[in-house]
Amino acid sequence: MDKEVTDLGISYERLLVYHKTFMKSISFSEISICHLEDRVTRIITKEGEIFCTPRTMNELELRLPSDDFFRISRNCIIAYKSILKIEPYFGNRLVIFPNCTLQKKLIVSRPRTSAFKNWLGE
């Protein structure tokens, strides 16, 4: 499902990303996780490649299809296909274990937990 962005009516299926000295256009189906770290928005692909993008998390949330991607916290968006398992976490939150190489716990923020469960089909 494509999402129209801004008043231009443009429908996107790809995202231009950067890695050191080159740029690459990747399709949304290649994206596993988008996360903000040290003020840099990083895109992690299903192959484990890490790219940067000048887009903010809010821009990515608008651009990525909501059927396939969910913003679990202010600094992380995850693709449904990237969820390996989910476990309860402290304070009525959830922790997600992704099936990519990210060595970080992905915690669903308390305010987004209910919407995340609904997105999963609860």
N, C-alpha and C. Protein backbone atom coordinates (compact mmCIF):
# COMPACT_ATOMS: atom_id res chain seq x y z
N MET A 1 0.85 -1.18 0.00
CA MET A 1 0.00 0.00 0.00
C MET A 1 0.89 1.24 0.00
N ASP A 2 0.64 2.16 -0.89
CA ASP A 2 1.41 3.39 -0.97
C ASP A 2 0.74 4.46 -0.13
N LYS A 3 1.51 5.42 0.28
CA LYS A 3 0.98 6.51 1.08
C LYS A 3 1.28 7.83 0.39
N GLU A 4 0.28 8.68 0.26
CA GLU A 4 0.51 9.97 -0.35
C GLU A 4 1.08 10.92 0.69
N VAL A 5 2.05 11.70 0.28
CA VAL A 5 2.75 12.59 1.20
C VAL A 5 2.57 14.04 0.75
N THR A 6 2.31 14.90 1.71
CA THR A 6 2.11 16.33 1.52
C THR A 6 1.03 16.61 0.48
N ASP A 7 0.99 17.82 0.00
CA ASP A 7 -0.04 18.20 -0.95
C ASP A 7 0.38 17.93 -2.40
N LEU A 8 1.55 17.33 -2.59
CA LEU A 8 2.00 17.02 -3.94
C LEU A 8 1.27 15.83 -4.53
N GLY A 9 0.71 14.99 -3.68
CA GLY A 9 0.01 13.80 -4.15
C GLY A 9 0.96 12.74 -4.68
N ILE A 10 2.23 12.82 -4.29
CA ILE A 10 3.22 11.86 -4.76
C ILE A 10 3.14 10.60 -3.91
N SER A 11 3.17 9.47 -4.58
CA SER A 11 3.14 8.19 -3.89
C SER A 11 4.54 7.58 -3.94
N TYR A 12 5.07 7.23 -2.78
CA TYR A 12 6.44 6.74 -2.69
C TYR A 12 6.49 5.24 -2.42
N GLU A 13 7.47 4.59 -2.99
CA GLU A 13 7.74 3.18 -2.72
C GLU A 13 9.21 2.95 -2.41
N ARG A 14 10.01 4.02 -2.52
CA ARG A 14 11.44 3.92 -2.34
C ARG A 14 11.92 5.07 -1.47
N LEU A 15 13.15 4.93 -0.98
CA LEU A 15 13.75 5.96 -0.13
C LEU A 15 15.21 6.10 -0.51
N LEU A 16 15.66 7.35 -0.70
CA LEU A 16 17.07 7.61 -1.00
C LEU A 16 17.84 7.67 0.31
N VAL A 17 18.87 6.83 0.41
CA VAL A 17 19.68 6.74 1.63
C VAL A 17 21.15 6.96 1.28
N TYR A 18 21.94 7.18 2.31
CA TYR A 18 23.36 7.50 2.13
C TYR A 18 24.23 6.54 2.93
N HIS A 19 25.39 6.23 2.35
CA HIS A 19 26.39 5.42 3.06
C HIS A 19 27.77 5.92 2.65
N LYS A 20 28.42 6.58 3.57
CA LYS A 20 29.76 7.15 3.33
C LYS A 20 29.77 8.01 2.07
N THR A 21 30.32 7.48 0.98
CA THR A 21 30.51 8.29 -0.22
C THR A 21 29.48 8.06 -1.32
N PHE A 22 28.48 7.23 -1.08
CA PHE A 22 27.51 6.97 -2.15
C PHE A 22 26.08 7.04 -1.64
N MET A 23 25.17 7.20 -2.59
CA MET A 23 23.74 7.20 -2.32
C MET A 23 23.14 5.95 -2.95
N LYS A 24 22.01 5.52 -2.39
CA LYS A 24 21.34 4.34 -2.91
C LYS A 24 19.84 4.52 -2.70
N SER A 25 19.06 4.08 -3.64
CA SER A 25 17.61 4.10 -3.51
C SER A 25 17.16 2.70 -3.12
N ILE A 26 16.52 2.59 -1.96
CA ILE A 26 16.07 1.28 -1.51
C ILE A 26 14.54 1.25 -1.45
N SER A 27 13.98 0.09 -1.72
CA SER A 27 12.53 -0.04 -1.67
C SER A 27 12.10 -0.25 -0.21
N PHE A 28 10.87 0.11 0.07
CA PHE A 28 10.36 -0.04 1.43
C PHE A 28 10.44 -1.50 1.90
N SER A 29 10.31 -2.44 0.97
CA SER A 29 10.34 -3.86 1.35
C SER A 29 11.72 -4.30 1.86
N GLU A 30 12.76 -3.52 1.59
CA GLU A 30 14.11 -3.83 2.07
C GLU A 30 14.35 -3.32 3.48
N ILE A 31 13.51 -2.42 3.98
CA ILE A 31 13.73 -1.78 5.28
C ILE A 31 13.22 -2.64 6.42
N SER A 32 14.07 -2.83 7.43
CA SER A 32 13.67 -3.55 8.64
C SER A 32 13.36 -2.58 9.77
N ILE A 33 14.29 -1.66 10.01
CA ILE A 33 14.17 -0.75 11.15
C ILE A 33 14.68 0.63 10.75
N CYS A 34 14.00 1.65 11.24
CA CYS A 34 14.48 3.03 11.15
C CYS A 34 14.66 3.48 12.59
N HIS A 35 15.82 3.97 12.93
CA HIS A 35 15.97 4.45 14.31
C HIS A 35 16.91 5.64 14.38
N LEU A 36 16.63 6.45 15.37
CA LEU A 36 17.37 7.68 15.60
C LEU A 36 18.39 7.43 16.70
N GLU A 37 19.64 7.73 16.39
CA GLU A 37 20.71 7.55 17.37
C GLU A 37 21.72 8.66 17.17
N ASP A 38 22.04 9.37 18.25
CA ASP A 38 22.99 10.48 18.18
C ASP A 38 22.58 11.51 17.12
N ARG A 39 21.30 11.80 17.06
CA ARG A 39 20.72 12.78 16.13
C ARG A 39 20.84 12.40 14.66
N VAL A 40 21.13 11.15 14.38
CA VAL A 40 21.23 10.67 13.00
C VAL A 40 20.17 9.58 12.81
N THR A 41 19.37 9.73 11.74
CA THR A 41 18.37 8.73 11.43
C THR A 41 19.02 7.64 10.59
N ARG A 42 18.96 6.43 11.10
CA ARG A 42 19.58 5.29 10.42
C ARG A 42 18.51 4.33 9.92
N ILE A 43 18.77 3.75 8.78
CA ILE A 43 17.90 2.74 8.17
C ILE A 43 18.68 1.43 8.17
N ILE A 44 18.09 0.39 8.73
CA ILE A 44 18.72 -0.92 8.73
C ILE A 44 17.90 -1.82 7.81
N THR A 45 18.56 -2.43 6.85
CA THR A 45 17.87 -3.29 5.90
C THR A 45 17.79 -4.72 6.43
N LYS A 46 16.99 -5.53 5.74
CA LYS A 46 16.86 -6.92 6.15
C LYS A 46 18.17 -7.69 5.98
N GLU A 47 19.08 -7.18 5.15
CA GLU A 47 20.41 -7.81 4.98
C GLU A 47 21.41 -7.32 6.01
N GLY A 48 21.00 -6.37 6.86
CA GLY A 48 21.88 -5.85 7.90
C GLY A 48 22.68 -4.63 7.49
N GLU A 49 22.45 -4.12 6.30
CA GLU A 49 23.15 -2.90 5.86
C GLU A 49 22.60 -1.71 6.64
N ILE A 50 23.47 -0.78 6.97
CA ILE A 50 23.06 0.41 7.71
C ILE A 50 23.32 1.64 6.85
N PHE A 51 22.27 2.42 6.65
CA PHE A 51 22.35 3.64 5.86
C PHE A 51 21.85 4.81 6.70
N CYS A 52 22.16 6.01 6.26
CA CYS A 52 21.67 7.23 6.91
C CYS A 52 20.69 7.92 5.97
N THR A 53 19.81 8.70 6.55
CA THR A 53 18.89 9.49 5.76
C THR A 53 18.72 10.85 6.43
N PRO A 54 18.55 11.90 5.64
CA PRO A 54 18.31 13.21 6.23
C PRO A 54 16.87 13.37 6.72
N ARG A 55 16.02 12.41 6.43
CA ARG A 55 14.61 12.46 6.84
C ARG A 55 14.48 12.34 8.35
N THR A 56 13.51 13.04 8.90
CA THR A 56 13.23 12.91 10.33
C THR A 56 12.36 11.68 10.55
N MET A 57 12.22 11.29 11.79
CA MET A 57 11.35 10.15 12.11
C MET A 57 9.90 10.48 11.74
N ASN A 58 9.49 11.71 11.94
CA ASN A 58 8.12 12.10 11.57
C ASN A 58 7.90 11.98 10.06
N GLU A 59 8.89 12.39 9.27
CA GLU A 59 8.78 12.28 7.82
C GLU A 59 8.72 10.82 7.39
N LEU A 60 9.55 9.98 8.02
CA LEU A 60 9.53 8.56 7.68
C LEU A 60 8.20 7.92 8.07
N GLU A 61 7.68 8.29 9.21
CA GLU A 61 6.40 7.74 9.65
C GLU A 61 5.29 8.07 8.65
N LEU A 62 5.32 9.26 8.09
CA LEU A 62 4.33 9.65 7.08
C LEU A 62 4.56 8.94 5.74
N ARG A 63 5.81 8.71 5.41
CA ARG A 63 6.14 8.15 4.10
C ARG A 63 5.97 6.63 4.04
N LEU A 64 6.32 5.93 5.11
CA LEU A 64 6.25 4.46 5.11
C LEU A 64 4.80 3.99 5.26
N PRO A 65 4.42 2.91 4.59
CA PRO A 65 3.04 2.42 4.68
C PRO A 65 2.72 1.90 6.08
N SER A 66 1.63 2.40 6.64
CA SER A 66 1.27 2.05 8.03
C SER A 66 0.82 0.60 8.18
N ASP A 67 0.49 -0.08 7.10
CA ASP A 67 0.16 -1.50 7.18
C ASP A 67 1.40 -2.33 7.47
N ASP A 68 2.55 -1.84 7.05
CA ASP A 68 3.80 -2.60 7.17
C ASP A 68 4.77 -2.08 8.22
N PHE A 69 4.62 -0.82 8.63
CA PHE A 69 5.55 -0.20 9.57
C PHE A 69 4.81 0.44 10.73
N PHE A 70 5.42 0.36 11.92
CA PHE A 70 4.82 0.96 13.11
C PHE A 70 5.90 1.71 13.89
N ARG A 71 5.55 2.89 14.32
CA ARG A 71 6.49 3.68 15.14
C ARG A 71 6.28 3.26 16.60
N ILE A 72 7.24 2.51 17.14
CA ILE A 72 7.10 1.96 18.49
C ILE A 72 7.54 2.93 19.57
N SER A 73 8.32 3.94 19.19
CA SER A 73 8.77 4.97 20.13
C SER A 73 9.16 6.20 19.34
N ARG A 74 9.52 7.26 20.02
CA ARG A 74 9.86 8.47 19.27
C ARG A 74 11.12 8.30 18.44
N ASN A 75 11.93 7.27 18.74
CA ASN A 75 13.17 7.10 17.99
C ASN A 75 13.26 5.78 17.22
N CYS A 76 12.13 5.09 17.00
CA CYS A 76 12.21 3.81 16.30
C CYS A 76 10.92 3.47 15.55
N ILE A 77 11.08 3.05 14.30
CA ILE A 77 10.00 2.53 13.47
C ILE A 77 10.44 1.13 13.05
N ILE A 78 9.54 0.16 13.16
CA ILE A 78 9.89 -1.21 12.81
C ILE A 78 8.93 -1.76 11.76
N ALA A 79 9.46 -2.60 10.88
CA ALA A 79 8.65 -3.27 9.87
C ALA A 79 8.06 -4.54 10.50
N TYR A 80 6.84 -4.84 10.15
CA TYR A 80 6.17 -6.03 10.68
C TYR A 80 7.00 -7.29 10.40
N LYS A 81 7.54 -7.38 9.20
CA LYS A 81 8.30 -8.57 8.82
C LYS A 81 9.60 -8.72 9.59
N SER A 82 10.00 -7.70 10.33
CA SER A 82 11.26 -7.73 11.07
C SER A 82 11.10 -8.16 12.53
N ILE A 83 9.88 -8.43 12.94
CA ILE A 83 9.63 -8.81 14.33
C ILE A 83 9.82 -10.32 14.49
N LEU A 84 10.83 -10.69 15.26
CA LEU A 84 11.09 -12.10 15.52
C LEU A 84 10.22 -12.59 16.67
N LYS A 85 10.25 -11.84 17.79
CA LYS A 85 9.39 -12.18 18.92
C LYS A 85 9.18 -10.93 19.78
N ILE A 86 8.15 -11.00 20.60
CA ILE A 86 7.77 -9.89 21.48
C ILE A 86 7.57 -10.46 22.88
N GLU A 87 8.09 -9.76 23.87
CA GLU A 87 7.91 -10.19 25.26
C GLU A 87 7.44 -9.02 26.11
N PRO A 88 6.70 -9.32 27.19
CA PRO A 88 6.32 -8.24 28.12
C PRO A 88 7.57 -7.63 28.74
N TYR A 89 7.47 -6.35 29.06
CA TYR A 89 8.59 -5.62 29.64
C TYR A 89 8.07 -4.80 30.80
N PHE A 90 8.93 -4.25 31.59
CA PHE A 90 8.55 -3.49 32.77
C PHE A 90 7.62 -2.33 32.43
N GLY A 91 6.76 -2.00 33.38
CA GLY A 91 5.90 -0.83 33.24
C GLY A 91 4.87 -0.94 32.13
N ASN A 92 4.33 -2.15 31.91
CA ASN A 92 3.30 -2.37 30.90
C ASN A 92 3.78 -2.01 29.49
N ARG A 93 5.05 -2.24 29.23
CA ARG A 93 5.61 -2.02 27.90
C ARG A 93 5.95 -3.37 27.29
N LEU A 94 6.43 -3.35 26.07
CA LEU A 94 6.82 -4.57 25.37
C LEU A 94 8.25 -4.40 24.85
N VAL A 95 8.96 -5.51 24.76
CA VAL A 95 10.29 -5.49 24.13
C VAL A 95 10.21 -6.36 22.88
N ILE A 96 10.77 -5.83 21.79
CA ILE A 96 10.75 -6.53 20.51
C ILE A 96 12.16 -7.03 20.21
N PHE A 97 12.22 -8.27 19.78
CA PHE A 97 13.48 -8.85 19.32
C PHE A 97 13.39 -8.93 17.80
N PRO A 98 14.16 -8.10 17.11
CA PRO A 98 14.09 -8.09 15.64
C PRO A 98 14.91 -9.23 15.03
N ASN A 99 14.58 -9.57 13.80
CA ASN A 99 15.32 -10.64 13.12
C ASN A 99 16.45 -10.07 12.26
N CYS A 100 16.96 -8.90 12.65
CA CYS A 100 18.12 -8.33 11.95
C CYS A 100 19.27 -8.20 12.94
N THR A 101 20.33 -7.59 12.52
CA THR A 101 21.56 -7.57 13.30
C THR A 101 21.64 -6.46 14.35
N LEU A 102 20.57 -5.73 14.58
CA LEU A 102 20.59 -4.65 15.55
C LEU A 102 20.84 -5.21 16.95
N GLN A 103 21.86 -4.73 17.61
CA GLN A 103 22.25 -5.21 18.93
C GLN A 103 21.67 -4.32 20.03
N LYS A 104 20.41 -4.04 19.94
CA LYS A 104 19.77 -3.12 20.86
C LYS A 104 18.35 -3.59 21.15
N LYS A 105 17.92 -3.44 22.40
CA LYS A 105 16.54 -3.76 22.72
C LYS A 105 15.63 -2.72 22.10
N LEU A 106 14.58 -3.17 21.48
CA LEU A 106 13.58 -2.27 20.93
C LEU A 106 12.37 -2.31 21.86
N ILE A 107 12.15 -1.23 22.55
CA ILE A 107 11.09 -1.19 23.56
C ILE A 107 9.94 -0.33 23.04
N VAL A 108 8.75 -0.91 23.07
CA VAL A 108 7.55 -0.17 22.68
C VAL A 108 7.20 0.76 23.83
N SER A 109 7.11 2.05 23.55
CA SER A 109 6.83 3.01 24.61
C SER A 109 5.43 2.78 25.19
N ARG A 110 5.28 3.14 26.44
CA ARG A 110 4.03 2.92 27.15
C ARG A 110 2.82 3.51 26.41
N PRO A 111 2.89 4.76 25.94
CA PRO A 111 1.73 5.33 25.24
C PRO A 111 1.39 4.62 23.92
N ARG A 112 2.34 3.91 23.33
CA ARG A 112 2.11 3.26 22.03
C ARG A 112 1.81 1.77 22.13
N THR A 113 1.89 1.21 23.33
CA THR A 113 1.71 -0.23 23.50
C THR A 113 0.35 -0.72 23.03
N SER A 114 -0.70 -0.04 23.43
CA SER A 114 -2.06 -0.47 23.06
C SER A 114 -2.26 -0.39 21.55
N ALA A 115 -1.83 0.70 20.93
CA ALA A 115 -1.97 0.84 19.48
C ALA A 115 -1.12 -0.20 18.75
N PHE A 116 0.04 -0.52 19.30
CA PHE A 116 0.91 -1.54 18.69
C PHE A 116 0.22 -2.90 18.73
N LYS A 117 -0.37 -3.25 19.85
CA LYS A 117 -1.10 -4.53 19.95
C LYS A 117 -2.25 -4.58 18.95
N ASN A 118 -2.96 -3.47 18.80
CA ASN A 118 -4.04 -3.40 17.81
C ASN A 118 -3.51 -3.56 16.40
N TRP A 119 -2.37 -2.93 16.12
CA TRP A 119 -1.74 -3.03 14.81
C TRP A 119 -1.38 -4.49 14.48
N LEU A 120 -0.98 -5.22 15.53
CA LEU A 120 -0.63 -6.64 15.35
C LEU A 120 -1.84 -7.53 15.16
N GLY A 121 -3.01 -6.99 15.48
CA GLY A 121 -4.23 -7.78 15.28
C GLY A 121 -4.91 -8.24 16.54
N GLU A 122 -4.57 -7.65 17.69
CA GLU A 122 -5.22 -8.04 18.94
C GLU A 122 -6.64 -7.53 18.97
